[in-house]
PDB file of N, CA and C in Angstrom:
ATOM      1  N   UNK A   1     -37.701  17.742 205.363  1.00  0.00           N
ATOM      2  CA  UNK A   1     -38.849  17.878 204.888  1.00  0.00           C
ATOM      3  C   UNK A   1     -39.517  19.419 204.660  1.00  0.00           C
ATOM      4  N   UNK A   2     -39.817  19.697 203.552  1.00  0.00           N
ATOM      5  CA  UNK A   2     -40.245  21.113 203.432  1.00  0.00           C
ATOM      6  C   UNK A   2     -41.841  21.500 203.593  1.00  0.00           C
ATOM      7  N   UNK A   3     -41.843  22.482 204.448  1.00  0.00           N
ATOM      8  CA  UNK A   3     -42.952  23.027 204.768  1.00  0.00           C
ATOM      9  C   UNK A   3     -43.891  23.538 203.679  1.00  0.00           C
ATOM     10  N   UNK A   4     -45.135  23.425 203.613  1.00  0.00           N
ATOM     11  CA  UNK A   4     -45.997  23.981 202.555  1.00  0.00           C
ATOM     12  C   UNK A   4     -46.501  25.145 203.339  1.00  0.00           C
ATOM     13  N   UNK A   5     -46.085  26.291 202.449  1.00  0.00           N
ATOM     14  CA  UNK A   5     -46.649  27.776 203.125  1.00  0.00           C
ATOM     15  C   UNK A   5     -48.234  28.095 202.210  1.00  0.00           C
ATOM     16  N   UNK A   6     -48.823  28.652 203.000  1.00  0.00           N
ATOM     17  CA  UNK A   6     -50.265  29.180 202.635  1.00  0.00           C
ATOM     18  C   UNK A   6     -50.133  30.604 202.266  1.00  0.00           C
ATOM     19  N   UNK A   7     -49.884  31.046 201.209  1.00  0.00           N
ATOM     20  CA  UNK A   7     -49.700  32.554 200.977  1.00  0.00           C
ATOM     21  C   UNK A   7     -50.550  33.141 199.881  1.00  0.00           C
ATOM     22  N   UNK A   8     -51.006  34.408 200.177  1.00  0.00           N
ATOM     23  CA  UNK A   8     -51.882  35.137 199.673  1.00  0.00           C
ATOM     24  C   UNK A   8     -51.273  36.635 199.465  1.00  0.00           C
ATOM     25  N   UNK A   9     -51.183  36.855 198.151  1.00  0.00           N
ATOM     26  CA  UNK A   9     -50.265  38.246 197.708  1.00  0.00           C
ATOM     27  C   UNK A   9     -49.000  38.267 198.355  1.00  0.00           C
ATOM     28  N   UNK A  10     -48.381  37.314 198.580  1.00  0.00           N
ATOM     29  CA  UNK A  10     -46.868  37.162 199.261  1.00  0.00           C
ATOM     30  C   UNK A  10     -46.854  37.241 200.720  1.00  0.00           C
ATOM     31  N   UNK A  11     -48.088  37.196 201.335  1.00  0.00           N
ATOM     32  CA  UNK A  11     -48.210  36.965 202.695  1.00  0.00           C
ATOM     33  C   UNK A  11     -48.439  35.769 203.265  1.00  0.00           C
ATOM     34  N   UNK A  12     -47.575  35.207 204.259  1.00  0.00           N
ATOM     35  CA  UNK A  12     -47.684  33.900 204.733  1.00  0.00           C
ATOM     36  C   UNK A  12     -48.893  34.015 205.682  1.00  0.00           C
ATOM     37  N   UNK A  13     -50.031  33.375 205.284  1.00  0.00           N
ATOM     38  CA  UNK A  13     -51.261  33.387 206.276  1.00  0.00           C
ATOM     39  C   UNK A  13     -51.067  32.909 207.457  1.00  0.00           C
ATOM     40  N   UNK A  14     -50.057  31.695 207.538  1.00  0.00           N
ATOM     41  CA  UNK A  14     -49.955  30.946 208.888  1.00  0.00           C
ATOM     42  C   UNK A  14     -49.256  31.758 209.805  1.00  0.00           C
ATOM     43  N   UNK A  15     -48.843  32.920 209.362  1.00  0.00           N
ATOM     44  CA  UNK A  15     -47.902  33.525 210.491  1.00  0.00           C
ATOM     45  C   UNK A  15     -48.760  34.776 210.989  1.00  0.00           C
ATOM     46  N   UNK A  16     -50.111  34.954 210.655  1.00  0.00           N
ATOM     47  CA  UNK A  16     -50.879  36.010 210.916  1.00  0.00           C
ATOM     48  C   UNK A  16     -51.650  35.490 212.243  1.00  0.00           C
ATOM     49  N   UNK A  17     -51.462  36.281 213.400  1.00  0.00           N
ATOM     50  CA  UNK A  17     -52.065  35.749 214.554  1.00  0.00           C
ATOM     51  C   UNK A  17     -53.724  35.625 214.250  1.00  0.00           C
ATOM     52  N   UNK A  18     -54.308  34.634 214.947  1.00  0.00           N
ATOM     53  CA  UNK A  18     -55.698  34.464 215.084  1.00  0.00           C
ATOM     54  C   UNK A  18     -56.454  33.943 213.844  1.00  0.00           C
ATOM     55  N   UNK A  19     -55.644  33.825 212.546  1.00  0.00           N
ATOM     56  CA  UNK A  19     -55.968  33.633 211.287  1.00  0.00           C
ATOM     57  C   UNK A  19     -56.635  32.198 211.372  1.00  0.00           C
ATOM     58  N   UNK A  20     -55.955  31.025 211.615  1.00  0.00           N
ATOM     59  CA  UNK A  20     -56.548  29.808 211.243  1.00  0.00           C
ATOM     60  C   UNK A  20     -57.400  29.499 212.382  1.00  0.00           C
ATOM     61  N   UNK A  21     -57.437  29.690 213.655  1.00  0.00           N
ATOM     62  CA  UNK A  21     -58.756  29.596 214.653  1.00  0.00           C
ATOM     63  C   UNK A  21     -59.947  30.535 214.072  1.00  0.00           C
ATOM     64  N   UNK A  22     -59.591  31.658 213.836  1.00  0.00           N
ATOM     65  CA  UNK A  22     -60.893  32.375 213.288  1.00  0.00           C
ATOM     66  C   UNK A  22     -61.647  31.596 212.249  1.00  0.00           C
ATOM     67  N   UNK A  23     -60.909  31.333 211.244  1.00  0.00           N
ATOM     68  CA  UNK A  23     -61.484  30.794 209.840  1.00  0.00           C
ATOM     69  C   UNK A  23     -61.978  29.254 210.139  1.00  0.00           C
ATOM     70  N   UNK A  24     -61.322  28.707 210.871  1.00  0.00           N
ATOM     71  CA  UNK A  24     -61.829  27.501 211.449  1.00  0.00           C
ATOM     72  C   UNK A  24     -63.278  27.258 212.005  1.00  0.00           C
ATOM     73  N   UNK A  25     -63.294  28.289 213.194  1.00  0.00           N
ATOM     74  CA  UNK A  25     -64.602  28.164 213.731  1.00  0.00           C
ATOM     75  C   UNK A  25     -65.614  29.016 212.899  1.00  0.00           C
ATOM     76  N   UNK A  26     -65.485  30.080 212.202  1.00  0.00           N
ATOM     77  CA  UNK A  26     -66.387  30.646 211.166  1.00  0.00           C
ATOM     78  C   UNK A  26     -66.845  29.602 210.222  1.00  0.00           C
ATOM     79  N   UNK A  27     -66.024  28.625 209.375  1.00  0.00           N
ATOM     80  CA  UNK A  27     -66.679  27.718 208.620  1.00  0.00           C
ATOM     81  C   UNK A  27     -67.523  26.853 209.143  1.00  0.00           C
ATOM     82  N   UNK A  28     -67.202  26.457 210.573  1.00  0.00           N
ATOM     83  CA  UNK A  28     -67.907  25.545 211.048  1.00  0.00           C
ATOM     84  C   UNK A  28     -69.267  25.875 211.650  1.00  0.00           C
ATOM     85  N   UNK A  29     -69.149  27.307 211.870  1.00  0.00           N
ATOM     86  CA  UNK A  29     -70.604  27.960 212.240  1.00  0.00           C
ATOM     87  C   UNK A  29     -71.385  28.198 211.195  1.00  0.00           C
ATOM     88  N   UNK A  30     -70.803  28.516 209.965  1.00  0.00           N
ATOM     89  CA  UNK A  30     -71.488  28.833 208.853  1.00  0.00           C
ATOM     90  C   UNK A  30     -72.020  27.427 208.309  1.00  0.00           C
ATOM     91  N   UNK A  31     -71.497  26.309 208.422  1.00  0.00           N
ATOM     92  CA  UNK A  31     -72.079  25.086 208.255  1.00  0.00           C
ATOM     93  C   UNK A  31     -73.335  24.769 208.934  1.00  0.00           C
ATOM     94  N   UNK A  32     -72.987  24.754 210.250  1.00  0.00           N
ATOM     95  CA  UNK A  32     -73.927  24.357 211.243  1.00  0.00           C
ATOM     96  C   UNK A  32     -75.086  25.297 211.110  1.00  0.00           C
ATOM     97  N   UNK A  33     -75.297  26.724 210.790  1.00  0.00           N
ATOM     98  CA  UNK A  33     -76.266  27.459 210.725  1.00  0.00           C
ATOM     99  C   UNK A  33     -77.131  27.036 209.691  1.00  0.00           C
ATOM    100  N   UNK A  34     -76.177  26.962 208.574  1.00  0.00           N
ATOM    101  CA  UNK A  34     -76.959  26.726 207.060  1.00  0.00           C
ATOM    102  C   UNK A  34     -77.679  25.381 206.969  1.00  0.00           C
ATOM    103  N   UNK A  35     -77.242  24.385 207.682  1.00  0.00           N
ATOM    104  CA  UNK A  35     -77.588  23.125 208.003  1.00  0.00           C
ATOM    105  C   UNK A  35     -79.044  22.994 208.783  1.00  0.00           C
ATOM    106  N   UNK A  36     -78.600  23.748 209.765  1.00  0.00           N
ATOM    107  CA  UNK A  36     -79.660  23.781 210.911  1.00  0.00           C
ATOM    108  C   UNK A  36     -81.089  24.466 210.001  1.00  0.00           C
ATOM    109  N   UNK A  37     -80.750  25.618 209.386  1.00  0.00           N
ATOM    110  CA  UNK A  37     -81.613  26.340 208.714  1.00  0.00           C
ATOM    111  C   UNK A  37     -82.457  25.362 207.558  1.00  0.00           C
ATOM    112  N   UNK A  38     -81.656  24.802 207.046  1.00  0.00           N
ATOM    113  CA  UNK A  38     -82.123  23.726 205.821  1.00  0.00           C
ATOM    114  C   UNK A  38     -83.000  22.681 206.438  1.00  0.00           C
ATOM    115  N   UNK A  39     -82.636  22.192 207.593  1.00  0.00           N
ATOM    116  CA  UNK A  39     -83.464  21.202 208.378  1.00  0.00           C
ATOM    117  C   UNK A  39     -84.831  21.823 208.770  1.00  0.00           C
ATOM    118  N   UNK A  40     -84.618  23.126 209.137  1.00  0.00           N
ATOM    119  CA  UNK A  40     -86.017  23.564 209.771  1.00  0.00           C
ATOM    120  C   UNK A  40     -87.009  23.984 208.610  1.00  0.00           C
ATOM    121  N   UNK A  41     -86.385  24.747 207.759  1.00  0.00           N
ATOM    122  CA  UNK A  41     -87.446  25.347 206.531  1.00  0.00           C
ATOM    123  C   UNK A  41     -87.318  24.636 205.311  1.00  0.00           C
ATOM    124  N   UNK A  42     -86.308  23.893 204.769  1.00  0.00           N
ATOM    125  CA  UNK A  42     -86.359  23.190 203.603  1.00  0.00           C
ATOM    126  C   UNK A  42     -86.046  24.077 202.352  1.00  0.00           C
ATOM    127  N   UNK A  43     -85.498  25.521 202.631  1.00  0.00           N
ATOM    128  CA  UNK A  43     -85.350  26.286 201.650  1.00  0.00           C
ATOM    129  C   UNK A  43     -83.884  26.642 201.558  1.00  0.00           C
ATOM    130  N   UNK A  44     -83.568  26.297 200.161  1.00  0.00           N
ATOM    131  CA  UNK A  44     -81.966  26.170 199.837  1.00  0.00           C
ATOM    132  C   UNK A  44     -81.365  27.647 199.773  1.00  0.00           C
ATOM    133  N   UNK A  45     -82.091  28.646 199.275  1.00  0.00           N
ATOM    134  CA  UNK A  45     -81.613  29.949 199.120  1.00  0.00           C
ATOM    135  C   UNK A  45     -81.552  30.448 200.503  1.00  0.00           C
ATOM    136  N   UNK A  46     -82.479  30.456 201.166  1.00  0.00           N
ATOM    137  CA  UNK A  46     -82.477  31.092 202.643  1.00  0.00           C
ATOM    138  C   UNK A  46     -81.274  30.402 203.479  1.00  0.00           C
ATOM    139  N   UNK A  47     -81.136  29.105 203.420  1.00  0.00           N
ATOM    140  CA  UNK A  47     -80.292  28.244 204.168  1.00  0.00           C
ATOM    141  C   UNK A  47     -78.767  28.678 203.649  1.00  0.00           C
ATOM    142  N   UNK A  48     -78.562  28.827 202.426  1.00  0.00           N
ATOM    143  CA  UNK A  48     -77.347  29.566 202.093  1.00  0.00           C
ATOM    144  C   UNK A  48     -77.244  30.989 202.319  1.00  0.00           C
ATOM    145  N   UNK A  49     -77.983  31.700 202.366  1.00  0.00           N
ATOM    146  CA  UNK A  49     -77.910  33.220 202.883  1.00  0.00           C
ATOM    147  C   UNK A  49     -77.593  32.944 204.684  1.00  0.00           C
ATOM    148  N   UNK A  50     -78.267  32.149 205.145  1.00  0.00           N
ATOM    149  CA  UNK A  50     -78.063  32.052 206.731  1.00  0.00           C
ATOM    150  C   UNK A  50     -76.639  31.834 206.916  1.00  0.00           C
ATOM    151  N   UNK A  51     -76.212  30.746 205.999  1.00  0.00           N
ATOM    152  CA  UNK A  51     -74.832  30.028 206.193  1.00  0.00           C
ATOM    153  C   UNK A  51     -73.736  31.239 206.062  1.00  0.00           C
ATOM    154  N   UNK A  52     -74.013  32.028 204.738  1.00  0.00           N
ATOM    155  CA  UNK A  52     -73.130  33.228 204.654  1.00  0.00           C
ATOM    156  C   UNK A  52     -73.037  34.037 205.491  1.00  0.00           C
ATOM    157  N   UNK A  53     -74.109  34.625 206.005  1.00  0.00           N
ATOM    158  CA  UNK A  53     -74.110  35.503 206.895  1.00  0.00           C
ATOM    159  C   UNK A  53     -73.652  35.140 208.180  1.00  0.00           C
ATOM    160  N   UNK A  54     -73.825  33.908 208.775  1.00  0.00           N
ATOM    161  CA  UNK A  54     -73.376  33.322 209.750  1.00  0.00           C
ATOM    162  C   UNK A  54     -71.604  33.111 209.711  1.00  0.00           C
ATOM    163  N   UNK A  55     -71.230  32.965 208.715  1.00  0.00           N
ATOM    164  CA  UNK A  55     -69.855  32.815 208.265  1.00  0.00           C
ATOM    165  C   UNK A  55     -69.285  34.054 208.684  1.00  0.00           C
ATOM    166  N   UNK A  56     -69.864  35.160 207.814  1.00  0.00           N
ATOM    167  CA  UNK A  56     -69.199  36.650 208.003  1.00  0.00           C
ATOM    168  C   UNK A  56     -69.341  37.283 209.377  1.00  0.00           C
ATOM    169  N   UNK A  57     -70.500  36.999 209.931  1.00  0.00           N
ATOM    170  CA  UNK A  57     -70.559  37.707 211.555  1.00  0.00           C
ATOM    171  C   UNK A  57     -69.698  36.879 212.227  1.00  0.00           C
ATOM    172  N   UNK A  58     -69.419  35.781 212.382  1.00  0.00           N
ATOM    173  CA  UNK A  58     -68.549  34.769 213.288  1.00  0.00           C
ATOM    174  C   UNK A  58     -67.264  35.362 212.783  1.00  0.00           C
ATOM    175  N   UNK A  59     -66.642  35.531 211.711  1.00  0.00           N
ATOM    176  CA  UNK A  59     -65.303  35.805 211.343  1.00  0.00           C
ATOM    177  C   UNK A  59     -65.180  37.157 211.788  1.00  0.00           C
ATOM    178  N   UNK A  60     -65.990  38.116 211.452  1.00  0.00           N
ATOM    179  CA  UNK A  60     -65.711  39.580 211.997  1.00  0.00           C
ATOM    180  C   UNK A  60     -65.619  39.617 213.772  1.00  0.00           C
ATOM    181  N   UNK A  61     -66.627  38.978 214.246  1.00  0.00           N
ATOM    182  CA  UNK A  61     -66.506  38.932 215.525  1.00  0.00           C
ATOM    183  C   UNK A  61     -65.383  38.272 216.420  1.00  0.00           C
ATOM    184  N   UNK A  62     -65.382  37.045 215.878  1.00  0.00           N
ATOM    185  CA  UNK A  62     -64.148  36.303 216.512  1.00  0.00           C
ATOM    186  C   UNK A  62     -62.680  36.992 216.211  1.00  0.00           C
ATOM    187  N   UNK A  63     -62.611  37.312 215.085  1.00  0.00           N
ATOM    188  CA  UNK A  63     -61.439  38.192 214.514  1.00  0.00           C
ATOM    189  C   UNK A  63     -61.031  39.391 215.569  1.00  0.00           C
ATOM    190  N   UNK A  64     -62.094  40.207 215.741  1.00  0.00           N
ATOM    191  CA  UNK A  64     -61.960  41.278 216.676  1.00  0.00           C
ATOM    192  C   UNK A  64     -61.567  40.846 218.037  1.00  0.00           C
ATOM    193  N   UNK A  65     -62.301  39.958 218.582  1.00  0.00           N
ATOM    194  CA  UNK A  65     -62.062  39.378 219.942  1.00  0.00           C
ATOM    195  C   UNK A  65     -60.588  38.680 220.092  1.00  0.00           C
ATOM    196  N   UNK A  66     -60.477  38.160 219.185  1.00  0.00           N
ATOM    197  CA  UNK A  66     -59.009  37.559 219.266  1.00  0.00           C
ATOM    198  C   UNK A  66     -57.782  38.379 219.104  1.00  0.00           C
ATOM    199  N   UNK A  67     -57.859  39.332 218.100  1.00  0.00           N
ATOM    200  CA  UNK A  67     -56.930  40.389 217.818  1.00  0.00           C
ATOM    201  C   UNK A  67     -56.661  41.131 219.163  1.00  0.00           C
ATOM    202  N   UNK A  68     -58.197  41.524 219.599  1.00  0.00           N
ATOM    203  CA  UNK A  68     -58.055  42.346 221.182  1.00  0.00           C
ATOM    204  C   UNK A  68     -57.102  41.682 222.129  1.00  0.00           C
ATOM    205  N   UNK A  69     -57.708  40.580 222.379  1.00  0.00           N
ATOM    206  CA  UNK A  69     -56.932  39.735 223.592  1.00  0.00           C
ATOM    207  C   UNK A  69     -55.296  39.380 222.715  1.00  0.00           C
ATOM    208  N   UNK A  70     -55.073  39.245 221.747  1.00  0.00           N
ATOM    209  CA  UNK A  70     -53.736  38.929 221.553  1.00  0.00           C
ATOM    210  C   UNK A  70     -52.853  40.040 221.454  1.00  0.00           C
ATOM    211  N   UNK A  71     -53.398  41.280 221.208  1.00  0.00           N
ATOM    212  CA  UNK A  71     -52.872  42.561 221.376  1.00  0.00           C
ATOM    213  C   UNK A  71     -52.645  42.739 222.811  1.00  0.00           C
ATOM    214  N   UNK A  72     -53.427  42.462 223.886  1.00  0.00           N
ATOM    215  CA  UNK A  72     -53.334  42.797 225.182  1.00  0.00           C
ATOM    216  C   UNK A  72     -52.110  41.858 225.868  1.00  0.00           C
ATOM    217  N   UNK A  73     -52.152  40.553 225.318  1.00  0.00           N
ATOM    218  CA  UNK A  73     -51.028  39.443 225.706  1.00  0.00           C
ATOM    219  C   UNK A  73     -49.520  40.052 225.055  1.00  0.00           C
ATOM    220  N   UNK A  74     -49.536  40.831 224.235  1.00  0.00           N
ATOM    221  CA  UNK A  74     -48.560  41.164 223.286  1.00  0.00           C
ATOM    222  C   UNK A  74     -47.739  42.240 224.037  1.00  0.00           C
ATOM    223  N   UNK A  75     -48.846  43.291 224.304  1.00  0.00           N
ATOM    224  CA  UNK A  75     -48.294  44.442 225.258  1.00  0.00           C
ATOM    225  C   UNK A  75     -47.797  44.042 226.423  1.00  0.00           C
ATOM    226  N   UNK A  76     -48.397  43.143 227.266  1.00  0.00           N
ATOM    227  CA  UNK A  76     -47.998  42.520 228.561  1.00  0.00           C
ATOM    228  C   UNK A  76     -46.510  41.896 228.370  1.00  0.00           C
ATOM    229  N   UNK A  77     -46.351  41.221 227.351  1.00  0.00           N
ATOM    230  CA  UNK A  77     -45.084  40.708 226.993  1.00  0.00           C
ATOM    231  C   UNK A  77     -44.134  41.697 226.838  1.00  0.00           C
ATOM    232  N   UNK A  78     -44.585  42.767 225.874  1.00  0.00           N
ATOM    233  CA  UNK A  78     -43.307  43.462 225.639  1.00  0.00           C
ATOM    234  C   UNK A  78     -42.894  44.465 226.944  1.00  0.00           C
ATOM    235  N   UNK A  79     -43.865  44.716 227.659  1.00  0.00           N
ATOM    236  CA  UNK A  79     -43.440  45.414 229.136  1.00  0.00           C
ATOM    237  C   UNK A  79     -42.665  44.481 229.946  1.00  0.00           C
ATOM    238  N   UNK A  80     -42.894  43.156 229.871  1.00  0.00           N
ATOM    239  CA  UNK A  80     -42.310  42.128 230.981  1.00  0.00           C
ATOM    240  C   UNK A  80     -40.783  42.074 230.541  1.00  0.00           C
ATOM    241  N   UNK A  81     -40.830  42.007 228.869  1.00  0.00           N
ATOM    242  CA  UNK A  81     -39.402  41.928 228.195  1.00  0.00           C
ATOM    243  C   UNK A  81     -38.633  43.176 228.684  1.00  0.00           C
ATOM    244  N   UNK A  82     -39.252  44.301 228.524  1.00  0.00           N
ATOM    245  CA  UNK A  82     -38.286  45.429 228.807  1.00  0.00           C
ATOM    246  C   UNK A  82     -37.826  45.691 230.275  1.00  0.00           C
ATOM    247  N   UNK A  83     -38.811  45.370 231.053  1.00  0.00           N
ATOM    248  CA  UNK A  83     -38.416  45.165 232.499  1.00  0.00           C
ATOM    249  C   UNK A  83     -37.435  44.145 232.859  1.00  0.00           C
ATOM    250  N   UNK A  84     -37.438  42.944 232.564  1.00  0.00           N
ATOM    251  CA  UNK A  84     -36.474  42.247 232.371  1.00  0.00           C
ATOM    252  C   UNK A  84     -35.276  42.549 231.912  1.00  0.00           C
ATOM    253  N   UNK A  85     -35.133  43.149 230.807  1.00  0.00           N
ATOM    254  CA  UNK A  85     -33.896  43.716 230.296  1.00  0.00           C
ATOM    255  C   UNK A  85     -33.189  45.267 230.851  1.00  0.00           C
ATOM    256  N   UNK A  86     -34.042  45.748 231.548  1.00  0.00           N
ATOM    257  CA  UNK A  86     -33.480  46.752 232.568  1.00  0.00           C
ATOM    258  C   UNK A  86     -33.105  46.303 233.860  1.00  0.00           C
ATOM    259  N   UNK A  87     -33.886  45.290 234.312  1.00  0.00           N
ATOM    260  CA  UNK A  87     -33.078  44.526 235.551  1.00  0.00           C
ATOM    261  C   UNK A  87     -31.651  43.868 235.241  1.00  0.00           C
ATOM    262  N   UNK A  88     -31.879  43.212 234.108  1.00  0.00           N
ATOM    263  CA  UNK A  88     -30.553  42.526 233.520  1.00  0.00           C
ATOM    264  C   UNK A  88     -29.457  43.694 233.612  1.00  0.00           C
ATOM    265  N   UNK A  89     -29.816  44.841 232.938  1.00  0.00           N
ATOM    266  CA  UNK A  89     -28.605  45.680 232.746  1.00  0.00           C
ATOM    267  C   UNK A  89     -28.275  46.427 234.245  1.00  0.00           C
ATOM    268  N   UNK A  90     -29.430  46.669 234.915  1.00  0.00           N
ATOM    269  CA  UNK A  90     -29.008  47.059 236.392  1.00  0.00           C
ATOM    270  C   UNK A  90     -28.107  45.857 237.240  1.00  0.00           C
ATOM    271  N   UNK A  91     -28.336  44.647 237.238  1.00  0.00           N
ATOM    272  CA  UNK A  91     -27.615  43.652 238.028  1.00  0.00           C
ATOM    273  C   UNK A  91     -26.393  43.723 237.465  1.00  0.00           C
ATOM    274  N   UNK A  92     -26.022  43.756 236.313  1.00  0.00           N
ATOM    275  CA  UNK A  92     -24.781  43.633 235.510  1.00  0.00           C
ATOM    276  C   UNK A  92     -24.024  44.906 236.266  1.00  0.00           C
ATOM    277  N   UNK A  93     -24.538  45.858 236.256  1.00  0.00           N
ATOM    278  CA  UNK A  93     -23.752  47.181 236.795  1.00  0.00           C
ATOM    279  C   UNK A  93     -23.405  46.949 238.315  1.00  0.00           C
ATOM    280  N   UNK A  94     -24.256  46.209 238.930  1.00  0.00           N
ATOM    281  CA  UNK A  94     -24.209  46.131 240.483  1.00  0.00           C
ATOM    282  C   UNK A  94     -23.132  45.282 240.847  1.00  0.00           C
ATOM    283  N   UNK A  95     -23.033  44.175 239.823  1.00  0.00           N
ATOM    284  CA  UNK A  95     -22.183  43.153 240.252  1.00  0.00           C
ATOM    285  C   UNK A  95     -20.584  43.855 239.788  1.00  0.00           C
ATOM    286  N   UNK A  96     -20.709  44.522 238.872  1.00  0.00           N
ATOM    287  CA  UNK A  96     -19.092  45.028 238.825  1.00  0.00           C
ATOM    288  C   UNK A  96     -18.531  46.084 239.771  1.00  0.00           C
ATOM    289  N   UNK A  97     -19.754  46.652 240.544  1.00  0.00           N
ATOM    290  CA  UNK A  97     -19.340  47.794 241.351  1.00  0.00           C
ATOM    291  C   UNK A  97     -18.694  47.175 242.829  1.00  0.00           C
ATOM    292  N   UNK A  98     -19.164  45.782 242.857  1.00  0.00           N
ATOM    293  CA  UNK A  98     -18.882  45.025 244.373  1.00  0.00           C
ATOM    294  C   UNK A  98     -17.562  44.662 244.441  1.00  0.00           C
TER     295      UNK A  98
END
């Protein structure tokens, strides 16, 4: 079964860390804010403006938070991989000398 790819300008967006979660949360927050504003004020234009602004603010805020968190985890993983690699090399040298 062939997987469907979601591409934009030749980039597979599913491979970008934090993309799916950020936009899912942002869409739901925009809908909730717009609907909530409409139920309170009954003004369509104001509700649409609130929905768009909520979407944009949530996207920006969550993207920055998620990428920062992902970057910290990536750096830790890289340090662990390099440490493990050096330990494996040193253990290989010790076992041949014995």
